[in-house]
Full PDB file with SEQRES, HELIX, SHEET, SSBOND, CRYST1, ORIGX, SCALE, CONECT and MASTER records, all heavy atoms in Angstrom:
SEQRES   1 A   40  ALA ALA GLY ASP ALA THR ASP SER THR PRO GLY SER ASN          
SEQRES   2 A   40  GLY ALA GLY THR LEU GLN GLN GLY TYR LEU GLU THR SER          
SEQRES   3 A   40  ASN VAL ASP PRO VAL THR GLU LEU VAL THR LEU ILE LYS          
SEQRES   4 A   40  THR                                                          
HELIX    1 AA1 PRO A   30  LYS A   39  1                                  10    
CRYST1    1.000    1.000    1.000  90.00  90.00  90.00 P 1           1          
ORIGX1      1.000000  0.000000  0.000000        0.00000                         
ORIGX2      0.000000  1.000000  0.000000        0.00000                         
ORIGX3      0.000000  0.000000  1.000000        0.00000                         
SCALE1      1.000000  0.000000  0.000000        0.00000                         
SCALE2      0.000000  1.000000  0.000000        0.00000                         
SCALE3      0.000000  0.000000  1.000000        0.00000                         
ATOM      1  N   ALA A   1     132.830  62.341 142.911  1.00  0.00           N  
ATOM      2  CA  ALA A   1     132.101  61.071 143.200  1.00  0.00           C  
ATOM      3  C   ALA A   1     132.984  60.008 143.853  1.00  0.00           C  
ATOM      4  O   ALA A   1     132.541  59.141 144.624  1.00  0.00           O  
ATOM      5  CB  ALA A   1     131.509  60.563 142.012  1.00  0.00           C  
ATOM      6  N   ALA A   2     134.318  60.026 143.529  1.00  0.00           N  
ATOM      7  CA  ALA A   2     135.222  59.054 144.074  1.00  0.00           C  
ATOM      8  C   ALA A   2     135.585  59.233 145.431  1.00  0.00           C  
ATOM      9  O   ALA A   2     136.072  58.408 146.208  1.00  0.00           O  
ATOM     10  CB  ALA A   2     136.440  58.968 143.139  1.00  0.00           C  
ATOM     11  N   GLY A   3     135.422  60.490 145.923  1.00  0.00           N  
ATOM     12  CA  GLY A   3     135.789  60.710 147.243  1.00  0.00           C  
ATOM     13  C   GLY A   3     137.278  61.114 147.422  1.00  0.00           C  
ATOM     14  O   GLY A   3     138.063  61.213 146.394  1.00  0.00           O  
ATOM     15  N   ASP A   4     137.810  61.289 148.650  1.00  0.00           N  
ATOM     16  CA  ASP A   4     139.193  61.779 148.815  1.00  0.00           C  
ATOM     17  C   ASP A   4     140.123  60.634 148.682  1.00  0.00           C  
ATOM     18  O   ASP A   4     139.798  59.419 148.777  1.00  0.00           O  
ATOM     19  CB  ASP A   4     139.407  62.134 150.369  1.00  0.00           C  
ATOM     20  CG  ASP A   4     138.574  63.436 150.676  1.00  0.00           C  
ATOM     21  OD1 ASP A   4     138.394  64.222 149.726  1.00  0.00           O  
ATOM     22  OD2 ASP A   4     138.256  63.613 151.820  1.00  0.00           O  
ATOM     23  N   ALA A   5     141.248  60.965 148.078  1.00  0.00           N  
ATOM     24  CA  ALA A   5     142.316  59.883 147.789  1.00  0.00           C  
ATOM     25  C   ALA A   5     143.169  59.714 149.021  1.00  0.00           C  
ATOM     26  O   ALA A   5     143.598  60.804 149.716  1.00  0.00           O  
ATOM     27  CB  ALA A   5     143.176  60.358 146.633  1.00  0.00           C  
ATOM     28  N   THR A   6     143.455  58.519 149.353  1.00  0.00           N  
ATOM     29  CA  THR A   6     144.258  58.201 150.575  1.00  0.00           C  
ATOM     30  C   THR A   6     145.423  57.374 150.195  1.00  0.00           C  
ATOM     31  O   THR A   6     145.308  56.279 149.577  1.00  0.00           O  
ATOM     32  CB  THR A   6     143.481  57.410 151.582  1.00  0.00           C  
ATOM     33  OG1 THR A   6     142.272  58.131 151.957  1.00  0.00           O  
ATOM     34  CG2 THR A   6     144.229  57.189 152.873  1.00  0.00           C  
ATOM     35  N   ASP A   7     146.679  57.955 150.400  1.00  0.00           N  
ATOM     36  CA  ASP A   7     147.873  57.229 150.132  1.00  0.00           C  
ATOM     37  C   ASP A   7     148.326  56.390 151.345  1.00  0.00           C  
ATOM     38  O   ASP A   7     148.320  56.852 152.410  1.00  0.00           O  
ATOM     39  CB  ASP A   7     149.072  58.183 149.849  1.00  0.00           C  
ATOM     40  CG  ASP A   7     148.678  59.073 148.576  1.00  0.00           C  
ATOM     41  OD1 ASP A   7     148.030  58.568 147.680  1.00  0.00           O  
ATOM     42  OD2 ASP A   7     149.228  60.223 148.438  1.00  0.00           O  
ATOM     43  N   SER A   8     148.601  55.136 151.021  1.00  0.00           N  
ATOM     44  CA  SER A   8     148.968  54.145 152.032  1.00  0.00           C  
ATOM     45  C   SER A   8     150.114  53.246 151.713  1.00  0.00           C  
ATOM     46  O   SER A   8     150.518  53.140 150.526  1.00  0.00           O  
ATOM     47  CB  SER A   8     147.752  53.231 152.351  1.00  0.00           C  
ATOM     48  OG  SER A   8     146.617  53.972 152.762  1.00  0.00           O  
ATOM     49  N   THR A   9     150.787  52.824 152.646  1.00  0.00           N  
ATOM     50  CA  THR A   9     151.872  51.798 152.449  1.00  0.00           C  
ATOM     51  C   THR A   9     151.184  50.526 152.074  1.00  0.00           C  
ATOM     52  O   THR A   9     150.184  50.086 152.633  1.00  0.00           O  
ATOM     53  CB  THR A   9     152.675  51.604 153.812  1.00  0.00           C  
ATOM     54  OG1 THR A   9     153.369  52.813 154.099  1.00  0.00           O  
ATOM     55  CG2 THR A   9     153.761  50.503 153.475  1.00  0.00           C  
ATOM     56  N   PRO A  10     151.633  49.869 150.969  1.00  0.00           N  
ATOM     57  CA  PRO A  10     151.112  48.676 150.555  1.00  0.00           C  
ATOM     58  C   PRO A  10     151.042  47.608 151.771  1.00  0.00           C  
ATOM     59  O   PRO A  10     151.962  47.442 152.541  1.00  0.00           O  
ATOM     60  CB  PRO A  10     151.997  48.083 149.564  1.00  0.00           C  
ATOM     61  CG  PRO A  10     152.654  49.269 148.894  1.00  0.00           C  
ATOM     62  CD  PRO A  10     152.701  50.312 150.033  1.00  0.00           C  
ATOM     63  N   GLY A  11     149.864  47.005 151.866  1.00  0.00           N  
ATOM     64  CA  GLY A  11     149.616  46.135 152.998  1.00  0.00           C  
ATOM     65  C   GLY A  11     149.134  46.656 154.267  1.00  0.00           C  
ATOM     66  O   GLY A  11     148.804  45.849 155.232  1.00  0.00           O  
ATOM     67  N   SER A  12     148.942  47.981 154.291  1.00  0.00           N  
ATOM     68  CA  SER A  12     148.368  48.643 155.526  1.00  0.00           C  
ATOM     69  C   SER A  12     147.097  49.505 155.076  1.00  0.00           C  
ATOM     70  O   SER A  12     146.918  49.815 153.944  1.00  0.00           O  
ATOM     71  CB  SER A  12     149.353  49.515 156.174  1.00  0.00           C  
ATOM     72  OG  SER A  12     149.655  50.641 155.341  1.00  0.00           O  
ATOM     73  N   ASN A  13     146.294  49.644 156.044  1.00  0.00           N  
ATOM     74  CA  ASN A  13     144.999  50.488 155.888  1.00  0.00           C  
ATOM     75  C   ASN A  13     144.132  49.875 154.725  1.00  0.00           C  
ATOM     76  O   ASN A  13     143.449  50.642 154.166  1.00  0.00           O  
ATOM     77  CB  ASN A  13     145.339  51.906 155.561  1.00  0.00           C  
ATOM     78  CG  ASN A  13     146.262  52.596 156.732  1.00  0.00           C  
ATOM     79  OD1 ASN A  13     145.829  52.328 157.914  1.00  0.00           O  
ATOM     80  ND2 ASN A  13     147.091  53.435 156.366  1.00  0.00           N  
ATOM     81  N   GLY A  14     144.134  48.603 154.693  1.00  0.00           N  
ATOM     82  CA  GLY A  14     143.338  48.056 153.593  1.00  0.00           C  
ATOM     83  C   GLY A  14     143.916  47.990 152.205  1.00  0.00           C  
ATOM     84  O   GLY A  14     143.211  47.453 151.288  1.00  0.00           O  
ATOM     85  N   ALA A  15     144.989  48.644 152.048  1.00  0.00           N  
ATOM     86  CA  ALA A  15     145.664  48.528 150.744  1.00  0.00           C  
ATOM     87  C   ALA A  15     146.246  47.158 150.369  1.00  0.00           C  
ATOM     88  O   ALA A  15     146.616  46.419 151.232  1.00  0.00           O  
ATOM     89  CB  ALA A  15     146.789  49.589 150.631  1.00  0.00           C  
ATOM     90  N   GLY A  16     146.360  46.954 149.057  1.00  0.00           N  
ATOM     91  CA  GLY A  16     146.857  45.686 148.653  1.00  0.00           C  
ATOM     92  C   GLY A  16     148.355  45.568 148.837  1.00  0.00           C  
ATOM     93  O   GLY A  16     149.053  46.611 149.219  1.00  0.00           O  
ATOM     94  N   THR A  17     148.932  44.444 148.482  1.00  0.00           N  
ATOM     95  CA  THR A  17     150.348  44.228 148.539  1.00  0.00           C  
ATOM     96  C   THR A  17     150.926  44.207 147.130  1.00  0.00           C  
ATOM     97  O   THR A  17     150.210  43.945 146.175  1.00  0.00           O  
ATOM     98  CB  THR A  17     150.769  42.921 149.372  1.00  0.00           C  
ATOM     99  OG1 THR A  17     150.179  41.916 148.696  1.00  0.00           O  
ATOM    100  CG2 THR A  17     150.338  43.117 150.774  1.00  0.00           C  
ATOM    101  N   LEU A  18     152.303  44.483 146.979  1.00  0.00           N  
ATOM    102  CA  LEU A  18     152.849  44.428 145.662  1.00  0.00           C  
ATOM    103  C   LEU A  18     153.494  43.036 145.415  1.00  0.00           C  
ATOM    104  O   LEU A  18     154.152  42.461 146.369  1.00  0.00           O  
ATOM    105  CB  LEU A  18     153.965  45.471 145.577  1.00  0.00           C  
ATOM    106  CG  LEU A  18     153.465  46.977 145.748  1.00  0.00           C  
ATOM    107  CD1 LEU A  18     154.570  47.895 145.566  1.00  0.00           C  
ATOM    108  CD2 LEU A  18     152.333  47.250 144.848  1.00  0.00           C  
ATOM    109  N   GLN A  19     153.432  42.560 144.225  1.00  0.00           N  
ATOM    110  CA  GLN A  19     154.084  41.349 143.866  1.00  0.00           C  
ATOM    111  C   GLN A  19     155.111  41.479 142.726  1.00  0.00           C  
ATOM    112  O   GLN A  19     154.696  41.815 141.562  1.00  0.00           O  
ATOM    113  CB  GLN A  19     153.073  40.389 143.355  1.00  0.00           C  
ATOM    114  CG  GLN A  19     151.880  40.013 144.434  1.00  0.00           C  
ATOM    115  CD  GLN A  19     152.468  39.210 145.608  1.00  0.00           C  
ATOM    116  OE1 GLN A  19     153.357  38.439 145.484  1.00  0.00           O  
ATOM    117  NE2 GLN A  19     151.963  39.672 146.859  1.00  0.00           N  
ATOM    118  N   GLN A  20     156.367  41.518 143.118  1.00  0.00           N  
ATOM    119  CA  GLN A  20     157.351  41.775 142.021  1.00  0.00           C  
ATOM    120  C   GLN A  20     157.434  40.583 141.050  1.00  0.00           C  
ATOM    121  O   GLN A  20     157.382  39.415 141.470  1.00  0.00           O  
ATOM    122  CB  GLN A  20     158.749  41.992 142.684  1.00  0.00           C  
ATOM    123  CG  GLN A  20     159.795  42.468 141.704  1.00  0.00           C  
ATOM    124  CD  GLN A  20     161.212  42.694 142.362  1.00  0.00           C  
ATOM    125  OE1 GLN A  20     161.311  42.268 143.514  1.00  0.00           O  
ATOM    126  NE2 GLN A  20     162.057  43.382 141.744  1.00  0.00           N  
ATOM    127  N   GLY A  21     157.598  40.912 139.794  1.00  0.00           N  
ATOM    128  CA  GLY A  21     157.729  39.866 138.780  1.00  0.00           C  
ATOM    129  C   GLY A  21     156.364  39.441 138.231  1.00  0.00           C  
ATOM    130  O   GLY A  21     156.246  38.367 137.582  1.00  0.00           O  
ATOM    131  N   TYR A  22     155.294  40.211 138.526  1.00  0.00           N  
ATOM    132  CA  TYR A  22     154.001  39.837 138.188  1.00  0.00           C  
ATOM    133  C   TYR A  22     153.193  40.933 137.554  1.00  0.00           C  
ATOM    134  O   TYR A  22     153.485  42.135 137.908  1.00  0.00           O  
ATOM    135  CB  TYR A  22     153.101  39.278 139.339  1.00  0.00           C  
ATOM    136  CG  TYR A  22     153.489  37.931 139.788  1.00  0.00           C  
ATOM    137  CD1 TYR A  22     154.565  37.766 140.743  1.00  0.00           C  
ATOM    138  CD2 TYR A  22     152.885  36.835 139.409  1.00  0.00           C  
ATOM    139  CE1 TYR A  22     154.880  36.516 141.218  1.00  0.00           C  
ATOM    140  CE2 TYR A  22     153.187  35.434 139.941  1.00  0.00           C  
ATOM    141  CZ  TYR A  22     154.284  35.490 140.809  1.00  0.00           C  
ATOM    142  OH  TYR A  22     154.604  34.136 141.241  1.00  0.00           O  
ATOM    143  N   LEU A  23     152.275  40.741 136.615  1.00  0.00           N  
ATOM    144  CA  LEU A  23     151.452  41.736 136.058  1.00  0.00           C  
ATOM    145  C   LEU A  23     149.958  41.371 136.267  1.00  0.00           C  
ATOM    146  O   LEU A  23     149.683  40.132 136.000  1.00  0.00           O  
ATOM    147  CB  LEU A  23     151.742  41.974 134.596  1.00  0.00           C  
ATOM    148  CG  LEU A  23     152.939  42.862 134.265  1.00  0.00           C  
ATOM    149  CD1 LEU A  23     153.098  43.003 132.705  1.00  0.00           C  
ATOM    150  CD2 LEU A  23     152.842  44.229 134.888  1.00  0.00           C  
ATOM    151  N   GLU A  24     149.186  42.304 136.580  1.00  0.00           N  
ATOM    152  CA  GLU A  24     147.667  41.992 136.661  1.00  0.00           C  
ATOM    153  C   GLU A  24     147.127  41.955 135.237  1.00  0.00           C  
ATOM    154  O   GLU A  24     147.213  42.832 134.466  1.00  0.00           O  
ATOM    155  CB  GLU A  24     146.947  43.040 137.476  1.00  0.00           C  
ATOM    156  CG  GLU A  24     145.437  42.698 137.731  1.00  0.00           C  
ATOM    157  CD  GLU A  24     144.860  43.792 138.602  1.00  0.00           C  
ATOM    158  OE1 GLU A  24     145.439  44.772 138.888  1.00  0.00           O  
ATOM    159  OE2 GLU A  24     143.617  43.578 138.871  1.00  0.00           O  
ATOM    160  N   THR A  25     146.363  40.896 134.930  1.00  0.00           N  
ATOM    161  CA  THR A  25     145.772  40.762 133.673  1.00  0.00           C  
ATOM    162  C   THR A  25     144.406  41.441 133.677  1.00  0.00           C  
ATOM    163  O   THR A  25     143.813  41.785 134.683  1.00  0.00           O  
ATOM    164  CB  THR A  25     145.575  39.263 133.198  1.00  0.00           C  
ATOM    165  OG1 THR A  25     144.829  38.575 134.192  1.00  0.00           O  
ATOM    166  CG2 THR A  25     146.975  38.588 133.280  1.00  0.00           C  
ATOM    167  N   SER A  26     143.698  41.409 132.551  1.00  0.00           N  
ATOM    168  CA  SER A  26     142.402  42.073 132.381  1.00  0.00           C  
ATOM    169  C   SER A  26     141.386  41.175 133.134  1.00  0.00           C  
ATOM    170  O   SER A  26     141.585  39.906 133.265  1.00  0.00           O  
ATOM    171  CB  SER A  26     141.905  42.102 130.974  1.00  0.00           C  
ATOM    172  OG  SER A  26     140.617  42.435 130.788  1.00  0.00           O  
ATOM    173  N   ASN A  27     140.431  41.809 133.807  1.00  0.00           N  
ATOM    174  CA  ASN A  27     139.436  41.028 134.567  1.00  0.00           C  
ATOM    175  C   ASN A  27     138.254  40.765 133.793  1.00  0.00           C  
ATOM    176  O   ASN A  27     137.182  40.178 134.257  1.00  0.00           O  
ATOM    177  CB  ASN A  27     139.019  41.735 135.949  1.00  0.00           C  
ATOM    178  CG  ASN A  27     138.165  43.026 135.495  1.00  0.00           C  
ATOM    179  OD1 ASN A  27     138.171  43.475 134.503  1.00  0.00           O  
ATOM    180  ND2 ASN A  27     137.618  43.556 136.556  1.00  0.00           N  
ATOM    181  N   VAL A  28     138.304  40.878 132.420  1.00  0.00           N  
ATOM    182  CA  VAL A  28     137.174  40.597 131.553  1.00  0.00           C  
ATOM    183  C   VAL A  28     137.072  39.023 131.340  1.00  0.00           C  
ATOM    184  O   VAL A  28     138.081  38.449 130.903  1.00  0.00           O  
ATOM    185  CB  VAL A  28     137.338  41.241 130.137  1.00  0.00           C  
ATOM    186  CG1 VAL A  28     136.353  40.845 129.164  1.00  0.00           C  
ATOM    187  CG2 VAL A  28     137.228  42.794 130.313  1.00  0.00           C  
ATOM    188  N   ASP A  29     135.891  38.468 131.522  1.00  0.00           N  
ATOM    189  CA  ASP A  29     135.637  37.151 131.256  1.00  0.00           C  
ATOM    190  C   ASP A  29     134.922  36.997 129.866  1.00  0.00           C  
ATOM    191  O   ASP A  29     133.754  37.410 129.746  1.00  0.00           O  
ATOM    192  CB  ASP A  29     134.788  36.522 132.302  1.00  0.00           C  
ATOM    193  CG  ASP A  29     134.434  35.028 132.026  1.00  0.00           C  
ATOM    194  OD1 ASP A  29     135.012  34.426 131.148  1.00  0.00           O  
ATOM    195  OD2 ASP A  29     133.661  34.493 132.910  1.00  0.00           O  
ATOM    196  N   PRO A  30     135.654  36.575 128.894  1.00  0.00           N  
ATOM    197  CA  PRO A  30     135.123  36.569 127.432  1.00  0.00           C  
ATOM    198  C   PRO A  30     133.699  35.762 127.376  1.00  0.00           C  
ATOM    199  O   PRO A  30     132.914  36.208 126.619  1.00  0.00           O  
ATOM    200  CB  PRO A  30     136.190  35.956 126.614  1.00  0.00           C  
ATOM    201  CG  PRO A  30     137.467  36.217 127.445  1.00  0.00           C  
ATOM    202  CD  PRO A  30     137.036  36.137 128.789  1.00  0.00           C  
ATOM    203  N   VAL A  31     133.710  34.698 128.123  1.00  0.00           N  
ATOM    204  CA  VAL A  31     132.459  33.849 128.096  1.00  0.00           C  
ATOM    205  C   VAL A  31     131.260  34.673 128.590  1.00  0.00           C  
ATOM    206  O   VAL A  31     130.244  34.625 127.965  1.00  0.00           O  
ATOM    207  CB  VAL A  31     132.655  32.501 128.850  1.00  0.00           C  
ATOM    208  CG1 VAL A  31     131.350  31.785 128.893  1.00  0.00           C  
ATOM    209  CG2 VAL A  31     133.787  31.721 128.244  1.00  0.00           C  
ATOM    210  N   THR A  32     131.443  35.260 129.816  1.00  0.00           N  
ATOM    211  CA  THR A  32     130.334  36.175 130.288  1.00  0.00           C  
ATOM    212  C   THR A  32     130.015  37.237 129.397  1.00  0.00           C  
ATOM    213  O   THR A  32     128.831  37.460 129.199  1.00  0.00           O  
ATOM    214  CB  THR A  32     130.822  36.712 131.629  1.00  0.00           C  
ATOM    215  OG1 THR A  32     131.175  35.607 132.543  1.00  0.00           O  
ATOM    216  CG2 THR A  32     129.704  37.536 132.273  1.00  0.00           C  
ATOM    217  N   GLU A  33     130.950  37.857 128.796  1.00  0.00           N  
ATOM    218  CA  GLU A  33     130.641  38.997 127.945  1.00  0.00           C  
ATOM    219  C   GLU A  33     129.861  38.516 126.693  1.00  0.00           C  
ATOM    220  O   GLU A  33     128.980  39.242 126.275  1.00  0.00           O  
ATOM    221  CB  GLU A  33     132.014  39.649 127.459  1.00  0.00           C  
ATOM    222  CG  GLU A  33     132.735  40.359 128.607  1.00  0.00           C  
ATOM    223  CD  GLU A  33     131.951  41.566 129.196  1.00  0.00           C  
ATOM    224  OE1 GLU A  33     131.127  42.165 128.481  1.00  0.00           O  
ATOM    225  OE2 GLU A  33     132.071  41.701 130.476  1.00  0.00           O  
ATOM    226  N   LEU A  34     130.300  37.413 126.104  1.00  0.00           N  
ATOM    227  CA  LEU A  34     129.638  36.784 124.925  1.00  0.00           C  
ATOM    228  C   LEU A  34     128.088  36.451 125.245  1.00  0.00           C  
ATOM    229  O   LEU A  34     127.304  36.720 124.376  1.00  0.00           O  
ATOM    230  CB  LEU A  34     130.385  35.611 124.405  1.00  0.00           C  
ATOM    231  CG  LEU A  34     131.716  35.965 123.656  1.00  0.00           C  
ATOM    232  CD1 LEU A  34     132.435  34.650 123.321  1.00  0.00           C  
ATOM    233  CD2 LEU A  34     131.441  36.678 122.407  1.00  0.00           C  
ATOM    234  N   VAL A  35     127.939  35.844 126.422  1.00  0.00           N  
ATOM    235  CA  VAL A  35     126.578  35.579 126.873  1.00  0.00           C  
ATOM    236  C   VAL A  35     125.720  36.841 126.922  1.00  0.00           C  
ATOM    237  O   VAL A  35     124.514  36.918 126.505  1.00  0.00           O  
ATOM    238  CB  VAL A  35     126.526  34.726 128.137  1.00  0.00           C  
ATOM    239  CG1 VAL A  35     125.163  34.600 128.745  1.00  0.00           C  
ATOM    240  CG2 VAL A  35     127.136  33.411 127.993  1.00  0.00           C  
ATOM    241  N   THR A  36     126.364  37.824 127.641  1.00  0.00           N  
ATOM    242  CA  THR A  36     125.619  39.176 127.776  1.00  0.00           C  
ATOM    243  C   THR A  36     125.358  39.749 126.385  1.00  0.00           C  
ATOM    244  O   THR A  36     124.323  40.341 126.154  1.00  0.00           O  
ATOM    245  CB  THR A  36     126.442  40.097 128.604  1.00  0.00           C  
ATOM    246  OG1 THR A  36     126.723  39.519 129.792  1.00  0.00           O  
ATOM    247  CG2 THR A  36     125.620  41.376 128.841  1.00  0.00           C  
ATOM    248  N   LEU A  37     126.275  39.616 125.515  1.00  0.00           N  
ATOM    249  CA  LEU A  37     126.089  40.167 124.085  1.00  0.00           C  
ATOM    250  C   LEU A  37     124.895  39.411 123.322  1.00  0.00           C  
ATOM    251  O   LEU A  37     124.149  40.058 122.699  1.00  0.00           O  
ATOM    252  CB  LEU A  37     127.424  39.955 123.304  1.00  0.00           C  
ATOM    253  CG  LEU A  37     127.417  40.466 121.854  1.00  0.00           C  
ATOM    254  CD1 LEU A  37     127.102  41.914 121.779  1.00  0.00           C  
ATOM    255  CD2 LEU A  37     128.786  40.127 121.239  1.00  0.00           C  
ATOM    256  N   ILE A  38     124.908  38.192 123.486  1.00  0.00           N  
ATOM    257  CA  ILE A  38     123.788  37.394 122.884  1.00  0.00           C  
ATOM    258  C   ILE A  38     122.443  37.865 123.466  1.00  0.00           C  
ATOM    259  O   ILE A  38     121.462  38.116 122.777  1.00  0.00           O  
ATOM    260  CB  ILE A  38     123.948  35.878 123.010  1.00  0.00           C  
ATOM    261  CG1 ILE A  38     125.188  35.451 122.293  1.00  0.00           C  
ATOM    262  CG2 ILE A  38     122.721  35.207 122.648  1.00  0.00           C  
ATOM    263  CD1 ILE A  38     125.630  34.002 122.495  1.00  0.00           C  
ATOM    264  N   LYS A  39     122.342  38.029 124.821  1.00  0.00           N  
ATOM    265  CA  LYS A  39     121.138  38.439 125.445  1.00  0.00           C  
ATOM    266  C   LYS A  39     120.728  39.848 124.995  1.00  0.00           C  
ATOM    267  O   LYS A  39     119.536  40.138 124.756  1.00  0.00           O  
ATOM    268  CB  LYS A  39     121.241  38.472 126.992  1.00  0.00           C  
ATOM    269  CG  LYS A  39     121.363  37.042 127.545  1.00  0.00           C  
ATOM    270  CD  LYS A  39     121.761  37.075 128.992  1.00  0.00           C  
ATOM    271  CE  LYS A  39     120.866  37.894 129.876  1.00  0.00           C  
ATOM    272  NZ  LYS A  39     121.353  37.879 131.281  1.00  0.00           N  
ATOM    273  N   THR A  40     121.755  40.729 124.835  1.00  0.00           N  
ATOM    274  CA  THR A  40     121.547  42.085 124.347  1.00  0.00           C  
ATOM    275  C   THR A  40     120.987  42.121 122.866  1.00  0.00           C  
ATOM    276  O   THR A  40     120.136  42.904 122.584  1.00  0.00           O  
ATOM    277  CB  THR A  40     122.856  42.906 124.509  1.00  0.00           C  
ATOM    278  OG1 THR A  40     123.268  42.851 125.799  1.00  0.00           O  
ATOM    279  CG2 THR A  40     122.451  44.450 124.141  1.00  0.00           C  
TER     280      THR A  40                                                      
MASTER        0    0    0    1    0    0    0    6  279    1    0    4          
END                                                                             
C-alpha cells in the first residue's frame, strides 16, 4: 500500500533537508486529542 521506496539526497526530489543539532518532536497536539477524547 505504501508503494515503491525511493532513496534521495536530502533536499532533492522532494526530500526534506537535515538539520544537525536538532530532533523532531512528536506531532501530537494534546489539546486537540483531549477535545477529541471528550467528543468520543
